[in-house]
Protein backbone atom coordinates (compact mmCIF):
# COMPACT_ATOMS: atom_id res chain seq x y z
CA UNK A 1 0.00 0.00 0.00
CA UNK A 2 1.35 3.45 -0.94
CA UNK A 3 2.60 5.62 1.90
CA UNK A 4 0.64 8.73 2.76
CA UNK A 5 3.01 11.69 2.12
CA UNK A 6 1.94 14.88 3.83
CA UNK A 7 3.38 18.28 2.86
CA UNK A 8 5.75 19.77 5.47
CA UNK A 9 4.16 22.14 7.95
CA UNK A 10 5.44 25.65 8.61
CA UNK A 11 6.59 24.49 12.04
CA UNK A 12 8.70 21.67 10.60
CA UNK A 13 10.27 24.07 8.10
CA UNK A 14 11.24 26.42 10.96
CA UNK A 15 12.77 23.53 12.90
CA UNK A 16 14.77 22.58 9.82
CA UNK A 17 16.04 26.11 9.14
CA UNK A 18 16.71 27.15 12.74
CA UNK A 19 20.08 25.35 13.09
CA UNK A 20 21.22 26.89 9.81
CA UNK A 21 20.21 30.35 11.03
CA UNK A 22 21.94 29.91 14.38
CA UNK A 23 25.07 28.68 12.65
CA UNK A 24 25.07 31.77 10.45
CA UNK A 25 24.70 34.03 13.49
CA UNK A 26 27.46 32.27 15.41
CA UNK A 27 29.84 32.52 12.46
CA UNK A 28 28.94 36.11 11.61
CA UNK A 29 32.28 37.87 11.78
CA UNK A 30 33.06 41.47 12.59
CA UNK A 31 34.29 43.48 9.64
CA UNK A 32 38.10 43.34 9.59
CA UNK A 33 38.27 47.10 9.12
CA UNK A 34 36.53 47.66 12.46
CA UNK A 35 38.50 44.96 14.28
CA UNK A 36 41.75 46.52 13.07
CA UNK A 37 40.70 50.05 14.02
CA UNK A 38 39.63 49.23 17.57
CA UNK A 39 42.66 47.02 18.21
CA UNK A 40 44.86 49.91 17.09
CA UNK A 41 43.11 52.11 19.63
CA UNK A 42 43.44 49.44 22.29
CA UNK A 43 47.18 48.96 21.74
CA UNK A 44 48.20 52.58 21.17
CA UNK A 45 46.47 54.29 24.08
CA UNK A 46 46.68 53.59 27.77
CA UNK A 47 42.94 53.56 28.20
CA UNK A 48 41.75 52.50 31.62
CA UNK A 49 38.79 50.87 29.91
CA UNK A 50 40.89 48.27 28.10
CA UNK A 51 40.96 45.94 31.07
CA UNK A 52 37.44 44.96 30.02
CA UNK A 53 38.33 44.77 26.34
CA UNK A 54 39.00 41.03 26.29
CA UNK A 55 39.74 39.13 23.10
CA UNK A 56 40.47 40.44 19.63
CA UNK A 57 36.90 40.98 18.40
CA UNK A 58 35.30 44.20 19.75
CA UNK A 59 31.84 42.83 18.95
CA UNK A 60 32.40 39.69 21.01
CA UNK A 61 33.53 36.22 19.99
CA UNK A 62 32.06 32.98 21.23
CA UNK A 63 31.68 33.26 24.99
CA UNK A 64 33.33 36.67 25.09
CA UNK A 65 30.97 39.66 25.30
CA UNK A 66 31.35 42.83 23.20
CA UNK A 67 33.89 45.31 24.50
CA UNK A 68 32.57 47.81 27.02
CA UNK A 69 31.26 50.91 25.27
CA UNK A 70 31.15 49.24 21.88
CA UNK A 71 27.83 48.62 20.10
CA UNK A 72 27.67 46.48 16.98
CA UNK A 73 25.05 45.74 14.35
CA UNK A 74 24.79 42.94 11.84
CA UNK A 75 24.80 44.07 8.24
CA UNK A 76 24.56 41.22 5.77
CA UNK A 77 27.28 38.69 6.52
CA UNK A 78 29.24 40.92 8.88
CA UNK A 79 28.97 42.83 12.12
CA UNK A 80 30.01 46.49 12.16
CA UNK A 81 30.68 48.89 15.01
CA UNK A 82 27.93 51.54 15.15
CA UNK A 83 28.56 53.20 18.53
CA UNK A 84 31.66 53.94 20.58
CA UNK A 85 31.05 55.41 24.04
CA UNK A 86 34.14 55.67 26.20
CA UNK A 87 33.73 58.61 28.54
CA UNK A 88 34.90 59.73 31.99
CA UNK A 89 37.79 57.24 32.10
CA UNK A 90 40.67 59.74 31.99
CA UNK A 91 41.86 58.92 28.48
CA UNK A 92 45.07 60.88 27.98
CA UNK A 93 46.66 61.81 24.69
CA UNK A 94 45.72 62.89 21.18
CA UNK A 95 42.42 62.19 19.50
CA UNK A 96 42.65 58.56 18.26
CA UNK A 97 42.73 58.90 14.47
CA UNK A 98 41.91 55.20 14.07
CA UNK A 99 38.37 56.04 15.18
CA UNK A 100 37.85 57.69 11.78
CA UNK A 101 38.13 54.24 10.14
CA UNK A 102 34.91 53.12 11.85
CA UNK A 103 32.84 54.22 8.88
CA UNK A 104 29.52 52.89 10.22
CA UNK A 105 29.61 54.86 13.48
CA UNK A 106 26.40 56.69 14.32
CA UNK A 107 27.50 57.78 17.80
CA UNK A 108 30.95 58.76 19.05
CA UNK A 109 31.10 59.78 22.70
CA UNK A 110 34.52 60.48 24.25
CA UNK A 111 33.42 63.24 26.61
CA UNK A 112 34.98 64.00 30.00
CA UNK A 113 38.45 62.67 29.28
CA UNK A 114 41.83 64.36 28.81
CA UNK A 115 42.19 64.28 25.05
CA UNK A 116 44.57 66.89 23.66
CA UNK A 117 45.57 68.28 20.29
CA UNK A 118 43.28 68.85 17.32
CA UNK A 119 40.31 66.94 15.97
CA UNK A 120 41.82 65.34 12.83
CA UNK A 121 40.33 66.38 9.48
CA UNK A 122 39.63 62.70 8.81
CA UNK A 123 36.59 63.11 11.09
CA UNK A 124 34.75 64.02 7.89
CA UNK A 125 34.86 60.35 6.84
CA UNK A 126 32.21 59.36 9.39
CA UNK A 127 29.27 60.05 7.08
CA UNK A 128 26.74 58.16 9.21
CA UNK A 129 27.56 59.91 12.46
CA UNK A 130 24.54 61.40 14.25
CA UNK A 131 26.02 62.26 17.65
CA UNK A 132 29.54 63.60 18.23
CA UNK A 133 30.27 64.32 21.88
CA UNK A 134 33.78 65.54 22.74
CA UNK A 135 32.92 68.02 25.52
CA UNK A 136 35.01 68.29 28.69
CA UNK A 137 38.38 67.48 27.14
CA UNK A 138 41.48 69.55 26.41
CA UNK A 139 41.21 69.59 22.64
CA UNK A 140 42.89 72.48 20.86
CA UNK A 141 43.40 74.21 17.54
CA UNK A 142 40.53 75.05 15.20
CA UNK A 143 37.24 73.24 14.80
CA UNK A 144 37.88 71.37 11.54
CA UNK A 145 35.62 72.46 8.68
CA UNK A 146 35.41 68.78 7.69
CA UNK A 147 32.76 68.36 10.41
CA UNK A 148 30.49 70.02 7.86
CA UNK A 149 30.69 66.81 5.83
CA UNK A 150 28.79 64.83 8.48
CA UNK A 151 25.39 65.24 6.83
CA UNK A 152 23.56 62.99 9.31
CA UNK A 153 24.77 64.82 12.42
CA UNK A 154 22.03 65.92 14.84
CA UNK A 155 24.01 66.62 18.04
CA UNK A 156 27.43 68.30 18.20
CA UNK A 157 29.03 68.79 21.63
CA UNK A 158 32.41 70.56 21.59
CA UNK A 159 32.03 72.65 24.75
CA UNK A 160 34.59 72.94 27.55
CA UNK A 161 37.71 72.56 25.42
CA UNK A 162 40.39 74.94 24.16
CA UNK A 163 39.32 75.41 20.56
CA UNK A 164 40.42 78.67 18.97
CA UNK A 165 39.85 80.47 15.70
CA UNK A 166 36.50 81.15 14.10
CA UNK A 167 33.37 79.03 14.11
CA UNK A 168 33.51 77.32 10.70
CA UNK A 169 30.65 78.35 8.44
CA UNK A 170 30.69 74.75 7.17
CA UNK A 171 28.62 73.82 10.23
CA UNK A 172 25.73 75.36 8.30
CA UNK A 173 26.08 72.41 5.88
CA UNK A 174 24.63 70.02 8.48
CA UNK A 175 20.96 69.78 7.44
CA UNK A 176 19.88 67.59 10.38
CA UNK A 177 21.67 69.48 13.17
CA UNK A 178 19.47 70.14 16.21
CA UNK A 179 21.87 70.84 19.09
CA UNK A 180 25.11 72.82 18.79
CA UNK A 181 27.23 73.32 21.93
CA UNK A 182 30.39 75.40 21.48
CA UNK A 183 30.56 77.24 24.80
CA UNK A 184 33.59 77.52 27.08
CA UNK A 185 36.27 77.63 24.39
CA UNK A 186 38.50 80.37 22.96
CA UNK A 187 36.64 80.99 19.73
CA UNK A 188 37.03 84.37 18.06
CA UNK A 189 35.49 86.32 15.20
CA UNK A 190 31.83 86.57 14.30
CA UNK A 191 29.14 83.92 14.61
CA UNK A 192 28.41 82.77 11.03
CA UNK A 193 24.94 84.00 10.06
CA UNK A 194 24.78 80.95 7.78
CA UNK A 195 23.88 78.94 10.90
CA UNK A 196 20.46 80.57 10.61
CA UNK A 197 19.75 78.42 7.56
CA UNK A 198 19.68 75.27 9.72
CA UNK A 199 16.01 74.37 9.62
CA UNK A 200 16.04 72.02 12.62
CA UNK A 201 18.46 73.79 14.98
CA UNK A 202 16.83 74.05 18.42
CA UNK A 203 19.74 74.89 20.69
CA UNK A 204 22.71 77.15 19.95
CA UNK A 205 25.22 77.83 22.72
CA UNK A 206 28.34 79.88 21.92
CA UNK A 207 28.67 81.44 25.38
CA UNK A 208 31.97 82.05 27.17
CA UNK A 209 34.16 82.62 24.14
CA UNK A 210 35.79 85.72 22.60
CA UNK A 211 33.23 86.36 19.87
CA UNK A 212 32.45 89.79 18.42
CA UNK A 213 29.80 91.27 16.16
CA UNK A 214 26.12 92.08 16.56
CA UNK A 215 22.84 90.22 16.78
CA UNK A 216 21.67 92.15 13.73
CA UNK A 217 24.43 90.51 11.68
CA UNK A 218 23.59 87.08 13.07
CA UNK A 219 19.90 87.19 12.13
CA UNK A 220 20.21 89.12 8.88
CA UNK A 221 18.86 86.31 6.67
CA UNK A 222 15.10 86.32 6.23
CA UNK A 223 13.42 83.33 7.86
CA UNK A 224 16.55 82.42 9.83
CA UNK A 225 16.59 80.04 12.81
CA UNK A 226 13.00 78.84 12.31
CA UNK A 227 13.19 76.14 15.01
CA UNK A 228 15.53 77.80 17.53
CA UNK A 229 14.38 77.61 21.13
CA UNK A 230 17.51 78.36 23.15
CA UNK A 231 20.08 81.01 22.16
CA UNK A 232 23.10 81.48 24.43
CA UNK A 233 25.37 84.40 23.42
CA UNK A 234 26.54 85.28 26.93
CA UNK A 235 30.07 86.15 28.06
CA UNK A 236 31.44 87.38 24.76
CA UNK A 237 32.23 90.79 23.26
CA UNK A 238 29.05 91.40 21.28
CA UNK A 239 28.18 95.04 20.61
CA UNK A 240 25.23 96.98 19.21
CA UNK A 241 21.66 96.72 20.34
CA UNK A 242 18.84 94.20 20.33
CA UNK A 243 17.21 94.48 16.89
CA UNK A 244 13.44 94.52 16.65
CA UNK A 245 13.75 91.64 14.15
CA UNK A 246 14.61 89.34 17.03
CA UNK A 247 10.83 88.90 17.31
CA UNK A 248 11.00 86.83 14.12
CA UNK A 249 12.63 84.04 16.14
CA UNK A 250 9.15 83.10 17.21
CA UNK A 251 10.07 79.80 18.92
CA UNK A 252 12.63 81.27 21.32
CA UNK A 253 12.27 80.31 24.97
CA UNK A 254 15.72 81.30 26.29
CA UNK A 255 17.65 84.40 25.17
CA UNK A 256 20.89 84.76 27.10
CA UNK A 257 22.81 88.00 26.41
CA UNK A 258 24.56 88.52 29.76
CA UNK A 259 28.12 89.85 30.03
CA UNK A 260 28.59 91.43 26.63
CA UNK A 261 29.10 95.05 25.53
CA UNK A 262 25.64 95.64 24.10
CA UNK A 263 24.12 99.13 24.14
CA UNK A 264 20.92 101.07 23.47
CA UNK A 265 17.39 100.61 24.71
CA UNK A 266 15.49 97.35 24.97
CA UNK A 267 12.92 97.31 22.15
CA UNK A 268 9.43 95.82 22.17
CA UNK A 269 10.54 93.05 19.81
CA UNK A 270 11.47 90.33 22.32
CA UNK A 271 8.20 90.92 24.21
CA UNK A 272 6.38 89.70 21.10
CA UNK A 273 8.07 86.28 21.20
CA UNK A 274 5.13 84.21 22.42
CA UNK A 275 6.92 81.60 24.58
CA UNK A 276 9.93 83.59 25.76
CA UNK A 277 10.58 82.35 29.30
CA UNK A 278 14.13 83.37 30.28
CA UNK A 279 15.57 86.72 29.15
CA UNK A 280 19.00 87.69 30.45
CA UNK A 281 20.29 91.22 29.84
CA UNK A 282 22.57 91.73 32.84
CA UNK A 283 26.06 93.21 32.68
CA UNK A 284 25.82 95.09 29.42
CA UNK A 285 25.43 98.81 28.69
CA UNK A 286 21.69 99.05 28.09
CA UNK A 287 19.90 102.31 28.94
CA UNK A 288 16.41 103.78 29.27
CA UNK A 289 13.35 101.86 30.38
CA UNK A 290 12.10 98.36 29.72
CA UNK A 291 8.70 98.26 27.99
CA UNK A 292 5.75 97.26 30.16
CA UNK A 293 4.97 94.44 27.73
CA UNK A 294 7.76 92.37 29.30
CA UNK A 295 6.16 92.58 32.72
CA UNK A 296 2.80 91.52 31.29
CA UNK A 297 4.23 88.66 29.22
CA UNK A 298 2.45 85.42 30.20
CA UNK A 299 5.55 83.20 30.02
CA UNK A 300 8.55 85.22 31.21
CA UNK A 301 9.75 83.80 34.53
CA UNK A 302 13.13 85.48 34.75
CA UNK A 303 14.57 88.71 33.37
CA UNK A 304 17.92 89.79 34.78
CA UNK A 305 18.91 93.43 34.30
CA UNK A 306 21.65 94.37 36.80
CA UNK A 307 24.94 95.83 35.64
CA UNK A 308 23.35 98.17 33.09
CA UNK A 309 22.42 101.87 33.02
CA UNK A 310 18.64 101.59 33.14
CA UNK A 311 16.60 104.41 34.62
CA UNK A 312 15.61 104.16 38.29
CA UNK A 313 12.54 102.04 38.84
CA UNK A 314 13.34 99.41 36.22
CA UNK A 315 12.91 96.06 37.94
CA UNK A 316 13.99 92.51 37.21
CA UNK A 317 11.65 89.55 37.00
CA UNK A 318 12.43 86.58 39.22
CA UNK A 319 15.38 86.01 41.53
CA UNK A 320 18.88 86.02 40.10
CA UNK A 321 20.54 82.66 40.49
CA UNK A 322 23.13 80.76 38.50
CA UNK A 323 21.48 79.33 35.41
CA UNK A 324 21.99 75.59 35.09
CA UNK A 325 22.66 75.24 31.41
CA UNK A 326 21.38 72.12 29.76
CA UNK A 327 24.88 70.98 28.80
CA UNK A 328 24.60 68.54 31.70
CA UNK A 329 21.54 66.98 30.14
CA UNK A 330 20.96 65.19 26.89
CA UNK A 331 17.82 66.22 25.08
CA UNK A 332 17.44 63.26 22.73
């Protein structure tokens, strides 16, 4: 009698294919380019983190886990390194150029170390990078214009270093940029008005540098800074007055102008910014009165005015305390 052949069920097909799939996963190798780059970093720098970097494969091999701070992703037949986060471990020495060979990186976080010297121009090779965090180091020289080649970048943290020279106008070539932190450096010259063309920029902090120029120059392009919420220009050498056109930055919530050399009267313009919440004018050379519209504004919580030449009777709003800038937070 003929045997009764039944077609295979979906479950039996899965059971058949599962060992093949697991074998493929087990034998999925890390791209040699990434293995070589991270082993160069491991061998050339005295990183305190390397005690946990066991084995030769940064993405893990067999029973060995991935290296601490290294995130990998499978792409086709290989694994690639997509994130490198090695911060607050007292890395000493120059920026590790081998990092720029990790071409699939989307996040590079080396903040709060003791890196010195310049950012190498090869940084422009990391075309997929979205987050670059190098704050709280001792990096020097200019900010390389090649950063403008990182078209996917959304967050750029270069604050608390020793960068000098001008802010490169190439940063305006970053169409996805949302957060730009450049404060606490030694930057000079004018703030490039081209930054105003960044459609998604929400936070711009260039405070505590040696910058010159006027706000009028910064916002001279029509429709500039359409998404900007926080603008920190404090502790520089800005001159001139507050232009009425500042009201066109209709999404502003924080406007920080303290400790500059600005002059003139305070116009009505900022009072027309609907959600303006923090407005810092202190330690400039402003004169006259402050329009009543500021005191009737429904959102303003703080307006600091001391250290100016306002007429008697002009009062601040709120109590003056040290502003905790959001550099200590990540607004992802």
